[in-house]
Amino acid sequence: MNDAMSGGIGLVIMIFLFVLAILCFLLPFAIFGTKDKLGELISESKKTNQAYHQTMKALQLQSRNQIIQVKKS
């Protein structure tokens, strides 16, 4: 067992475990840091959806008015 961990494979395993430990330490900070930004994105998405629906209603009314004008002609 000592021979397996003393070579290049042991070094690779140690580097991998070190990087993994750093990631496990930093991940919670990354998640909580993005929470506010996700909230902002959700609110902007809701505003965009409202604007989209208002535009669609306006276009539907406009097309209905054009159809009525064509029928009257």
Protein backbone atom coordinates (compact mmCIF):
# COMPACT_ATOMS: atom_id res chain seq x y z
CA MET A 1 0.00 0.00 0.00
CA ASN A 2 2.86 2.37 0.76
CA ASP A 3 4.34 1.86 -2.68
CA ALA A 4 1.05 2.75 -4.42
CA MET A 5 0.68 6.13 -2.66
CA SER A 6 4.30 7.20 -3.03
CA GLY A 7 4.39 7.33 -6.83
CA GLY A 8 2.78 9.58 -9.40
CA ILE A 9 -0.64 8.09 -8.81
CA GLY A 10 -0.46 9.06 -5.15
CA LEU A 11 0.39 12.64 -6.11
CA VAL A 12 -2.53 12.80 -8.53
CA ILE A 13 -4.89 11.43 -5.88
CA MET A 14 -3.64 13.96 -3.30
CA ILE A 15 -4.08 16.87 -5.73
CA PHE A 16 -7.56 15.63 -6.62
CA LEU A 17 -8.56 15.37 -2.95
CA PHE A 18 -7.16 18.85 -2.26
CA VAL A 19 -9.14 20.39 -5.12
CA LEU A 20 -12.23 18.50 -4.01
CA ALA A 21 -11.85 19.83 -0.46
CA ILE A 22 -11.55 23.40 -1.74
CA LEU A 23 -14.65 22.99 -3.91
CA CYS A 24 -16.63 21.53 -1.01
CA PHE A 25 -15.65 24.53 1.08
CA LEU A 26 -16.49 27.16 -1.57
CA LEU A 27 -19.70 25.67 -3.00
CA PRO A 28 -22.08 26.92 -0.27
CA PHE A 29 -20.81 30.47 -0.74
CA ALA A 30 -21.39 30.23 -4.48
CA ILE A 31 -24.94 28.96 -3.99
CA PHE A 32 -25.93 31.62 -1.46
CA GLY A 33 -24.26 34.30 -3.58
CA THR A 34 -26.44 33.48 -6.57
CA LYS A 35 -29.71 33.37 -4.64
CA ASP A 36 -30.30 37.13 -4.94
CA LYS A 37 -29.40 37.13 -8.61
CA LEU A 38 -31.87 34.32 -9.27
CA GLY A 39 -34.57 36.33 -7.53
CA GLU A 40 -33.81 39.29 -9.78
CA LEU A 41 -33.93 37.07 -12.86
CA ILE A 42 -37.29 35.66 -11.85
CA SER A 43 -38.78 39.12 -11.31
CA GLU A 44 -37.43 40.32 -14.67
CA SER A 45 -38.86 37.22 -16.34
CA LYS A 46 -42.28 37.97 -14.84
CA LYS A 47 -42.10 41.56 -16.14
CA THR A 48 -41.15 40.29 -19.59
CA ASN A 49 -44.05 37.84 -19.60
CA GLN A 50 -46.49 40.62 -18.63
CA ALA A 51 -45.18 42.84 -21.43
CA TYR A 52 -45.46 39.94 -23.86
CA HIS A 53 -49.08 39.26 -22.92
CA GLN A 54 -49.98 42.95 -23.19
CA THR A 55 -48.39 43.10 -26.63
CA MET A 56 -50.23 39.99 -27.76
CA LYS A 57 -53.57 41.41 -26.57
CA ALA A 58 -52.88 44.67 -28.40
CA LEU A 59 -52.00 42.78 -31.60
CA GLN A 60 -55.12 40.66 -31.35
CA LEU A 61 -57.29 43.75 -30.92
CA GLN A 62 -55.56 45.43 -33.84
CA SER A 63 -56.06 42.42 -36.11
CA ARG A 64 -59.74 42.17 -35.08
CA ASN A 65 -60.24 45.84 -35.89
CA GLN A 66 -58.64 45.34 -39.30
CA ILE A 67 -60.90 42.36 -40.00
CA ILE A 68 -63.99 44.40 -39.03
CA GLN A 69 -62.87 47.26 -41.30
CA VAL A 70 -62.37 44.86 -44.21
CA LYS A 71 -65.84 43.38 -43.68
CA LYS A 72 -67.40 46.86 -43.66
CA SER A 73 -65.69 47.76 -46.96
